[in-house]
Amino acid sequence: MADTAKDKDVIDQEDVEVEEEETTTTTTTTKKTSQWHKTRTTKTSATTKTTTLTTPAKLYGKDLSEYDDVDVESLLAQLSPEEITILAKEVDPDDNFLPPDQRNSYECTKEATGPLNRKQLIEHINKQAIETPDQPEFEPFVQGKVRGKKWVPPPRDARDIEAEEQIAIDMGEEYEHALNDATQEEIIDLAAILGFHSMMNQDQYHASLLNKGQPVGLGWDGITKSTQQKLFPMDPPNNTDVEESIKRVKDDDSKLIDLNLNNIKNISDEKLEQLFAALPQNEHLEVLSLTNVGLTDKTALLLAAAIEKSKTLRVLNVETNFISPPVIVKLVQALLKCHTIEEFRASNQRSAVLGNKIEMEITDLVEKNSSLLRLGLHLEFNDARHRVAAHLQRNIDRIRKDLELRLQFRFFNNLHRKSTRIQ
């Protein structure tokens, strides 16, 4: 056993020496920087031994271990700007925190050759594009002839074909015969009953539901045709005499209950001022419509002052004018002093959006008003819309209950009078 151990040590020593010679030979031949491992396995009758040797890193055959303790920052501080630029072109730092202009080599640092003339540049580009000849086609164009390889769809899977064949529905000979002999109008009616809206236009669908018969000349080809628009005559111009109407308002004409001055363009501010000055003394006018008459903030403030003193006005419409949101607040505020106005409309002004502050002010004023039943204003925010709608509904319910109580009181009063007469 002792002889066997000695023989084993001798064999291992020889293997190590041979392996070192092979390592030296490989390094001299390749001349590359690497840290590589070479493994040699020696088998004997009793055991198996593995030996691994590691060589240091090298660059062009030179050992780099002597530069391990060198300070790179001090070396970079000794370089000139030109040398740093050359080094930056050779090295690309893999650092995502650096901006791209510092990671890549920038080659556009040069002086301008002259002032930029945009017109000459565009003319040069156009001239170059016109003078540059087109690339000749390898195969000339011939109408009806396919150039190149024609696309052929791939063959379908047999399983998909079998699945489609299984989906087919056998409706029986009776239904097949009925569908084959059906007219186009009957098929359209059947599609409408089954809810196939995309197979027909609106005229065909509604005609089928109302059983009016299909329109003449509209079959399946009528799907892409739009519905013919109905022509309505234009509204006649408003021929109301403004001066006479103002005079009747001043004279408190008992027959003048509804004054409509809508869409009259030539009403001057002086005439509007005269009208608003006569409103407080009038005791018969109930409806005043001033839509699209060019009301401004100046005249609207006069209207607000007239509303406060009005005694009989129930409906006021000032839509489609040039009233600003703060003045609309003034008008709504004037409704608190006029307890007779039930409907107020002031939408579609120059400012399409009132804003949150204005809407909240209008909401607070409406909630204090106990006589307003309808408000024509576009409120953008949900809170304002819900609060206004809830308050108007409460006003309507309260007035309805008061009316019911009055009717009941009159009914029992009349019944009591009749019973008294009978006695």
Protein backbone atom coordinates (compact mmCIF):
# COMPACT_ATOMS: atom_id res chain seq x y z
CA MET A 1 0.00 0.00 0.00
CA ALA A 2 2.90 2.39 0.75
CA ASP A 3 4.35 1.73 -2.69
CA THR A 4 1.03 2.46 -4.31
CA ALA A 5 0.76 5.88 -2.53
CA LYS A 6 4.24 6.83 -3.63
CA ASP A 7 3.48 5.90 -7.23
CA LYS A 8 0.36 8.04 -7.08
CA ASP A 9 2.28 11.14 -5.86
CA VAL A 10 4.82 10.72 -8.63
CA ILE A 11 2.08 10.51 -11.27
CA ASP A 12 0.37 13.65 -9.90
CA GLN A 13 3.62 15.61 -9.97
CA GLU A 14 4.21 14.67 -13.59
CA ASP A 15 0.66 15.68 -14.55
CA VAL A 16 1.05 19.13 -12.95
CA GLU A 17 4.32 19.76 -14.77
CA VAL A 18 2.82 18.79 -18.11
CA GLU A 19 -0.21 21.01 -17.48
CA GLU A 20 1.97 24.05 -16.69
CA GLU A 21 3.85 23.58 -19.95
CA GLU A 22 0.59 23.45 -21.89
CA THR A 23 -0.61 26.67 -20.20
CA THR A 24 2.52 28.61 -21.18
CA THR A 25 2.29 27.47 -24.77
CA THR A 26 -1.37 28.49 -25.11
CA THR A 27 -0.80 32.00 -23.71
CA THR A 28 2.12 32.72 -26.07
CA THR A 29 0.22 31.60 -29.16
CA THR A 30 -3.15 33.36 -28.71
CA LYS A 31 -2.05 36.66 -27.09
CA LYS A 32 -5.51 37.46 -25.70
CA THR A 33 -6.80 38.85 -22.44
CA SER A 34 -8.53 36.09 -20.55
CA GLN A 35 -8.82 34.32 -17.29
CA TRP A 36 -9.26 30.74 -18.22
CA HIS A 37 -9.31 27.45 -16.45
CA LYS A 38 -7.77 24.23 -17.68
CA THR A 39 -8.78 20.97 -16.12
CA ARG A 40 -6.97 17.68 -16.39
CA THR A 41 -8.35 14.45 -15.00
CA THR A 42 -6.08 11.56 -14.11
CA LYS A 43 -7.49 8.20 -13.42
CA THR A 44 -5.72 5.42 -11.50
CA SER A 45 -6.84 2.06 -10.40
CA ALA A 46 -8.02 3.39 -7.03
CA THR A 47 -8.94 7.15 -7.24
CA THR A 48 -9.74 10.11 -9.62
CA LYS A 49 -8.08 13.55 -9.12
CA THR A 50 -8.95 16.92 -10.78
CA THR A 51 -6.43 19.81 -10.93
CA THR A 52 -7.40 23.44 -11.93
CA LEU A 53 -4.89 26.24 -12.73
CA THR A 54 -5.87 29.94 -13.12
CA THR A 55 -3.87 32.59 -15.00
CA PRO A 56 -4.17 36.38 -14.38
CA ALA A 57 -5.94 38.75 -16.86
CA LYS A 58 -3.81 40.11 -19.69
CA LEU A 59 -4.20 42.81 -22.37
CA TYR A 60 -2.22 42.23 -25.57
CA GLY A 61 -0.03 39.77 -23.72
CA LYS A 62 0.72 42.15 -20.84
CA ASP A 63 -0.18 41.49 -17.25
CA LEU A 64 -2.72 44.03 -15.87
CA SER A 65 -2.24 43.27 -12.20
CA GLU A 66 0.25 46.13 -11.81
CA TYR A 67 -2.54 48.66 -12.55
CA ASP A 68 -4.85 47.48 -9.79
CA ASP A 69 -3.66 50.13 -7.32
CA VAL A 70 -3.52 53.02 -9.82
CA ASP A 71 -5.96 55.94 -9.21
CA VAL A 72 -7.97 56.43 -12.42
CA GLU A 73 -9.25 59.87 -11.35
CA SER A 74 -5.69 61.23 -11.02
CA LEU A 75 -4.83 59.88 -14.48
CA LEU A 76 -7.89 61.57 -16.03
CA ALA A 77 -7.00 64.85 -14.29
CA GLN A 78 -3.63 64.87 -16.06
CA LEU A 79 -5.18 64.58 -19.53
CA SER A 80 -5.75 67.61 -21.75
CA PRO A 81 -9.22 68.36 -23.25
CA GLU A 82 -8.09 67.04 -26.63
CA GLU A 83 -6.90 63.78 -25.09
CA ILE A 84 -10.17 63.43 -23.14
CA THR A 85 -12.11 63.93 -26.40
CA ILE A 86 -10.08 61.19 -28.10
CA LEU A 87 -10.62 58.90 -25.10
CA ALA A 88 -14.37 59.60 -25.11
CA LYS A 89 -14.60 58.48 -28.74
CA GLU A 90 -13.04 55.14 -27.83
CA VAL A 91 -15.11 54.52 -24.66
CA ASP A 92 -18.91 54.33 -24.40
CA PRO A 93 -19.92 54.30 -20.71
CA ASP A 94 -22.84 51.98 -20.03
CA ASP A 95 -24.54 54.39 -17.63
CA ASN A 96 -28.24 55.16 -18.05
CA PHE A 97 -27.98 58.19 -15.76
CA LEU A 98 -25.76 60.08 -18.21
CA PRO A 99 -27.47 62.14 -20.92
CA PRO A 100 -27.08 60.86 -24.50
CA ASP A 101 -24.86 63.77 -25.59
CA GLN A 102 -22.32 62.71 -22.94
CA ARG A 103 -22.52 59.00 -23.68
CA ASN A 104 -22.03 59.32 -27.45
CA SER A 105 -19.41 61.08 -29.50
CA TYR A 106 -20.66 64.47 -30.71
CA GLU A 107 -19.24 65.37 -34.12
CA CYS A 108 -21.32 68.48 -34.94
CA THR A 109 -19.15 71.13 -33.27
CA LYS A 110 -18.20 73.34 -36.18
CA GLU A 111 -18.61 76.95 -37.18
CA ALA A 112 -21.38 78.07 -39.51
CA THR A 113 -20.31 78.57 -43.11
CA GLY A 114 -22.71 81.50 -43.56
CA PRO A 115 -26.14 82.93 -42.62
CA LEU A 116 -29.17 80.68 -43.09
CA ASN A 117 -31.39 81.61 -46.04
CA ARG A 118 -34.53 79.53 -45.84
CA LYS A 119 -35.87 80.54 -49.25
CA GLN A 120 -32.66 79.57 -51.06
CA LEU A 121 -32.50 76.30 -49.12
CA ILE A 122 -36.03 75.31 -50.18
CA GLU A 123 -35.34 76.29 -53.80
CA HIS A 124 -32.16 74.19 -53.77
CA ILE A 125 -34.02 71.18 -52.34
CA ASN A 126 -36.80 71.49 -54.94
CA LYS A 127 -34.29 71.89 -57.78
CA GLN A 128 -32.33 68.87 -56.62
CA ALA A 129 -35.52 66.80 -56.33
CA ILE A 130 -36.59 67.75 -59.87
CA GLU A 131 -33.19 67.16 -61.48
CA THR A 132 -32.57 63.82 -59.77
CA PRO A 133 -33.73 61.10 -62.17
CA ASP A 134 -36.12 58.44 -60.98
CA GLN A 135 -34.77 54.96 -60.39
CA PRO A 136 -35.54 52.75 -63.38
CA GLU A 137 -37.99 49.94 -62.79
CA PHE A 138 -36.67 46.45 -63.28
CA GLU A 139 -39.92 45.44 -64.92
CA PRO A 140 -42.12 48.01 -66.72
CA PHE A 141 -45.72 48.45 -65.66
CA VAL A 142 -48.29 46.68 -67.82
CA GLN A 143 -51.97 46.98 -66.95
CA GLY A 144 -53.43 43.65 -65.86
CA LYS A 145 -50.03 42.00 -65.42
CA VAL A 146 -48.81 41.00 -61.96
CA ARG A 147 -45.25 42.08 -61.27
CA GLY A 148 -43.34 39.99 -58.82
CA LYS A 149 -44.61 37.06 -56.83
CA LYS A 150 -48.36 36.90 -56.46
CA TRP A 151 -49.65 36.28 -52.95
CA VAL A 152 -51.49 33.02 -52.58
CA PRO A 153 -53.47 32.47 -49.37
CA PRO A 154 -52.35 29.47 -47.35
CA PRO A 155 -54.61 26.43 -47.36
CA ARG A 156 -57.22 26.37 -44.61
CA ASP A 157 -57.08 23.91 -41.80
CA ALA A 158 -59.36 20.92 -42.23
CA ARG A 159 -60.60 21.31 -38.66
CA ASP A 160 -61.93 24.84 -39.38
CA ILE A 161 -63.78 23.59 -42.44
CA GLU A 162 -65.32 20.76 -40.43
CA ALA A 163 -66.38 23.20 -37.70
CA GLU A 164 -68.14 25.46 -40.24
CA GLU A 165 -69.95 22.49 -41.70
CA GLN A 166 -71.18 21.49 -38.25
CA ILE A 167 -72.58 25.02 -37.63
CA ALA A 168 -74.95 24.75 -40.61
CA ILE A 169 -78.56 24.54 -39.39
CA ASP A 170 -81.12 22.31 -41.06
CA MET A 171 -84.44 24.21 -40.85
CA GLY A 172 -86.45 21.63 -42.72
CA GLU A 173 -87.99 21.64 -46.15
CA GLU A 174 -90.99 23.78 -45.15
CA TYR A 175 -88.92 26.72 -43.88
CA GLU A 176 -86.40 26.41 -46.70
CA HIS A 177 -89.19 26.57 -49.26
CA ALA A 178 -90.78 29.58 -47.49
CA LEU A 179 -87.50 31.52 -47.42
CA ASN A 180 -86.68 30.74 -51.03
CA ASP A 181 -90.09 31.96 -52.24
CA ALA A 182 -90.18 35.04 -49.94
CA THR A 183 -90.14 38.48 -51.53
CA GLN A 184 -87.61 41.14 -50.69
CA GLU A 185 -90.10 43.08 -48.57
CA GLU A 186 -90.96 39.99 -46.54
CA ILE A 187 -87.28 39.26 -45.85
CA ILE A 188 -86.80 42.87 -44.69
CA ASP A 189 -89.79 42.53 -42.35
CA LEU A 190 -88.37 39.28 -40.99
CA ALA A 191 -84.97 40.91 -40.39
CA ALA A 192 -86.68 43.74 -38.48
CA ILE A 193 -88.60 41.25 -36.31
CA LEU A 194 -85.39 39.33 -35.52
CA GLY A 195 -83.57 42.58 -34.64
CA PHE A 196 -81.03 42.70 -37.49
CA HIS A 197 -80.75 46.49 -37.43
CA SER A 198 -77.50 46.61 -39.45
CA MET A 199 -79.18 44.98 -42.47
CA MET A 200 -81.59 47.88 -43.10
CA ASN A 201 -81.90 51.61 -42.73
CA GLN A 202 -84.19 53.45 -40.34
CA ASP A 203 -87.01 53.93 -42.84
CA GLN A 204 -87.17 50.18 -43.57
CA TYR A 205 -86.98 49.27 -39.88
CA HIS A 206 -89.76 51.62 -38.72
CA ALA A 207 -91.94 50.74 -41.70
CA SER A 208 -91.67 47.07 -40.73
CA LEU A 209 -92.54 47.69 -37.08
CA LEU A 210 -95.50 49.93 -37.92
CA ASN A 211 -96.67 47.62 -40.74
CA LYS A 212 -96.75 50.50 -43.24
CA GLY A 213 -95.18 48.61 -46.11
CA GLN A 214 -91.70 49.15 -47.45
CA PRO A 215 -90.91 52.46 -49.23
CA VAL A 216 -91.00 52.25 -53.00
CA GLY A 217 -87.57 51.79 -54.55
CA LEU A 218 -85.80 50.95 -51.27
CA GLY A 219 -84.75 47.31 -51.14
CA TRP A 220 -81.44 45.95 -49.97
CA ASP A 221 -79.80 48.66 -52.08
CA GLY A 222 -81.32 51.26 -49.78
CA ILE A 223 -79.05 50.33 -46.87
CA THR A 224 -76.39 52.83 -47.90
CA LYS A 225 -78.87 55.61 -48.66
CA SER A 226 -79.47 58.22 -46.00
CA THR A 227 -82.93 59.23 -44.92
CA GLN A 228 -84.29 62.13 -46.88
CA GLN A 229 -84.43 65.22 -44.73
CA LYS A 230 -87.74 66.93 -44.25
CA LEU A 231 -87.84 70.50 -45.45
CA PHE A 232 -89.50 72.93 -43.09
CA PRO A 233 -90.32 76.50 -44.04
CA MET A 234 -88.25 79.25 -42.48
CA ASP A 235 -89.77 81.07 -39.57
CA PRO A 236 -91.25 84.36 -40.62
CA PRO A 237 -89.47 87.48 -39.39
CA ASN A 238 -90.71 89.15 -36.25
CA ASN A 239 -92.77 92.11 -37.44
CA THR A 240 -93.56 93.48 -34.00
CA ASP A 241 -93.46 97.27 -33.88
CA VAL A 242 -91.00 98.09 -31.12
CA GLU A 243 -92.00 101.74 -30.67
CA GLU A 244 -95.69 100.91 -30.48
CA SER A 245 -95.00 98.07 -28.01
CA ILE A 246 -93.03 100.43 -25.76
CA LYS A 247 -95.89 102.93 -25.90
CA ARG A 248 -98.42 100.24 -24.94
CA VAL A 249 -96.22 99.18 -22.01
CA LYS A 250 -96.04 102.81 -20.85
CA ASP A 251 -99.81 103.23 -21.20
CA ASP A 252 -100.39 99.97 -19.27
CA ASP A 253 -102.52 98.42 -22.00
CA SER A 254 -104.67 95.73 -20.45
CA LYS A 255 -104.63 93.66 -23.66
CA LEU A 256 -100.82 93.49 -23.77
CA ILE A 257 -100.07 90.38 -21.71
CA ASP A 258 -97.35 88.73 -23.86
CA LEU A 259 -94.60 90.86 -25.46
CA ASN A 260 -92.35 88.97 -27.90
CA LEU A 261 -89.38 90.91 -29.32
CA ASN A 262 -87.28 87.87 -30.30
CA ASN A 263 -84.76 88.11 -33.17
CA ILE A 264 -85.27 91.82 -33.80
CA LYS A 265 -81.80 93.10 -34.62
CA ASN A 266 -82.35 96.84 -34.87
CA ILE A 267 -83.44 97.54 -31.29
CA SER A 268 -81.24 100.33 -29.98
CA ASP A 269 -80.10 100.68 -26.38
CA GLU A 270 -82.24 103.81 -26.03
CA LYS A 271 -85.40 101.88 -26.89
CA LEU A 272 -84.49 99.09 -24.47
CA GLU A 273 -83.89 101.66 -21.73
CA GLN A 274 -87.35 103.14 -22.41
CA LEU A 275 -88.92 99.67 -22.23
CA PHE A 276 -87.22 98.77 -18.95
CA ALA A 277 -88.12 102.14 -17.46
CA ALA A 278 -91.81 101.51 -18.21
CA LEU A 279 -91.92 97.96 -16.76
CA PRO A 280 -92.32 98.86 -13.04
CA GLN A 281 -95.49 100.88 -13.72
CA ASN A 282 -97.10 98.20 -15.87
CA GLU A 283 -99.61 95.94 -14.10
CA HIS A 284 -100.76 93.67 -16.95
CA LEU A 285 -97.63 92.37 -18.76
CA GLU A 286 -96.89 88.74 -17.77
CA VAL A 287 -94.52 87.37 -20.44
CA LEU A 288 -91.46 89.23 -21.79
CA SER A 289 -89.25 87.55 -24.43
CA LEU A 290 -85.99 89.25 -25.44
CA THR A 291 -84.14 86.44 -27.23
CA ASN A 292 -81.36 87.43 -29.64
CA VAL A 293 -81.89 91.19 -29.42
CA GLY A 294 -78.29 92.16 -28.53
CA LEU A 295 -78.69 92.69 -24.79
CA THR A 296 -75.43 93.81 -23.15
CA ASP A 297 -74.39 94.15 -19.53
CA LYS A 298 -75.41 97.82 -19.49
CA THR A 299 -79.00 97.19 -20.56
CA ALA A 300 -79.20 93.92 -18.57
CA LEU A 301 -78.44 95.82 -15.33
CA LEU A 302 -81.34 98.16 -16.13
CA LEU A 303 -83.53 95.10 -16.67
CA ALA A 304 -82.47 93.72 -13.27
CA ALA A 305 -83.50 96.98 -11.62
CA ALA A 306 -86.86 96.87 -13.43
CA ILE A 307 -87.49 93.26 -12.39
CA GLU A 308 -87.20 94.15 -8.70
CA LYS A 309 -90.15 96.56 -9.03
CA SER A 310 -92.30 94.49 -11.38
CA LYS A 311 -95.68 93.35 -10.04
CA THR A 312 -97.15 91.03 -12.68
CA LEU A 313 -94.24 89.58 -14.73
CA ARG A 314 -94.27 85.76 -14.64
CA VAL A 315 -91.94 84.68 -17.50
CA LEU A 316 -88.68 86.35 -18.52
CA ASN A 317 -86.58 85.07 -21.45
CA VAL A 318 -83.21 86.71 -22.28
CA GLU A 319 -81.49 83.79 -24.08
CA THR A 320 -78.85 84.20 -26.84
CA ASN A 321 -77.51 87.62 -25.91
CA PHE A 322 -74.22 89.14 -24.70
CA ILE A 323 -74.71 89.05 -20.95
CA SER A 324 -71.68 88.17 -18.83
CA PRO A 325 -71.89 85.64 -15.95
CA PRO A 326 -71.68 88.24 -13.13
CA VAL A 327 -74.64 90.14 -14.62
CA ILE A 328 -76.60 86.88 -14.85
CA VAL A 329 -76.05 86.58 -11.11
CA LYS A 330 -77.49 90.08 -10.73
CA LEU A 331 -80.59 89.04 -12.69
CA VAL A 332 -81.09 85.92 -10.55
CA GLN A 333 -80.58 88.04 -7.45
CA ALA A 334 -83.28 90.45 -8.65
CA LEU A 335 -85.74 87.55 -8.78
CA LEU A 336 -85.65 87.38 -4.95
CA LYS A 337 -87.37 90.74 -4.71
CA CYS A 338 -89.84 89.97 -7.50
CA HIS A 339 -92.05 87.22 -6.10
CA THR A 340 -94.14 86.85 -9.26
CA ILE A 341 -91.59 85.45 -11.77
CA GLU A 342 -92.00 81.67 -12.13
CA GLU A 343 -89.79 81.06 -15.17
CA PHE A 344 -86.39 82.60 -16.02
CA ARG A 345 -84.28 81.67 -19.07
CA ALA A 346 -80.79 83.07 -19.77
CA SER A 347 -78.75 80.33 -21.52
CA ASN A 348 -76.56 80.62 -24.64
CA GLN A 349 -74.73 83.84 -23.78
CA ARG A 350 -71.34 85.03 -24.99
CA SER A 351 -69.58 83.13 -22.20
CA ALA A 352 -70.45 79.46 -22.75
CA VAL A 353 -69.08 78.38 -19.33
CA LEU A 354 -70.18 80.15 -16.18
CA GLY A 355 -67.56 78.69 -13.86
CA ASN A 356 -67.79 77.00 -10.49
CA LYS A 357 -67.94 80.22 -8.46
CA ILE A 358 -70.78 81.73 -10.53
CA GLU A 359 -72.75 78.47 -10.53
CA MET A 360 -72.49 78.18 -6.75
CA GLU A 361 -73.71 81.77 -6.34
CA ILE A 362 -76.65 81.08 -8.66
CA THR A 363 -77.44 77.89 -6.74
CA ASP A 364 -77.48 79.72 -3.40
CA LEU A 365 -79.77 82.42 -4.81
CA VAL A 366 -82.16 79.86 -6.35
CA GLU A 367 -82.41 77.96 -3.06
CA LYS A 368 -83.53 81.19 -1.38
CA ASN A 369 -86.24 81.79 -4.03
CA SER A 370 -89.61 80.30 -3.14
CA SER A 371 -91.54 81.37 -6.26
CA LEU A 372 -89.25 80.21 -9.10
CA LEU A 373 -90.44 77.02 -10.82
CA ARG A 374 -88.33 76.78 -13.99
CA LEU A 375 -84.75 77.92 -14.66
CA GLY A 376 -83.22 77.91 -18.17
CA LEU A 377 -79.45 77.88 -17.51
CA HIS A 378 -76.74 75.41 -18.50
CA LEU A 379 -75.00 74.36 -15.27
CA GLU A 380 -71.84 72.34 -15.82
CA PHE A 381 -71.22 70.97 -12.32
CA ASN A 382 -73.33 68.13 -10.95
CA ASP A 383 -73.66 69.61 -7.46
CA ALA A 384 -75.22 72.81 -8.79
CA ARG A 385 -77.56 70.95 -11.16
CA HIS A 386 -78.81 68.56 -8.49
CA ARG A 387 -79.36 71.26 -5.87
CA VAL A 388 -81.22 73.54 -8.29
CA ALA A 389 -83.39 70.70 -9.61
CA ALA A 390 -84.25 69.53 -6.09
CA HIS A 391 -85.23 73.03 -4.95
CA LEU A 392 -87.38 73.71 -8.02
CA GLN A 393 -89.14 70.41 -7.47
CA ARG A 394 -89.85 71.37 -3.86
CA ASN A 395 -91.33 74.68 -5.05
CA ILE A 396 -93.56 72.87 -7.54
CA ASP A 397 -94.72 70.37 -4.90
CA ARG A 398 -95.49 73.15 -2.42
CA ILE A 399 -97.52 75.12 -4.97
CA ARG A 400 -99.38 71.96 -6.00
CA LYS A 401 -100.28 71.21 -2.38
CA ASP A 402 -101.45 74.82 -1.86
CA LEU A 403 -103.63 74.54 -4.96
CA GLU A 404 -105.12 71.26 -3.74
CA LEU A 405 -105.91 72.81 -0.35
CA ARG A 406 -107.57 75.79 -2.01
CA LEU A 407 -109.69 73.53 -4.21
CA GLN A 408 -110.70 71.44 -1.23
CA PHE A 409 -111.59 74.56 0.75
CA ARG A 410 -113.72 75.89 -2.12
CA PHE A 411 -115.42 72.52 -2.53
CA PHE A 412 -116.37 72.22 1.16
CA ASN A 413 -117.34 75.89 1.25
CA ASN A 414 -119.72 75.43 -1.69
CA LEU A 415 -121.07 72.24 -0.16
CA HIS A 416 -121.70 74.05 3.13
CA ARG A 417 -123.54 76.87 1.33
CA LYS A 418 -125.80 74.42 -0.51
CA SER A 419 -126.64 72.56 2.68
CA THR A 420 -127.45 75.86 4.39
CA ARG A 421 -129.81 76.86 1.59
CA ILE A 422 -131.63 73.51 1.73
CA GLN A 423 -132.23 73.92 5.44
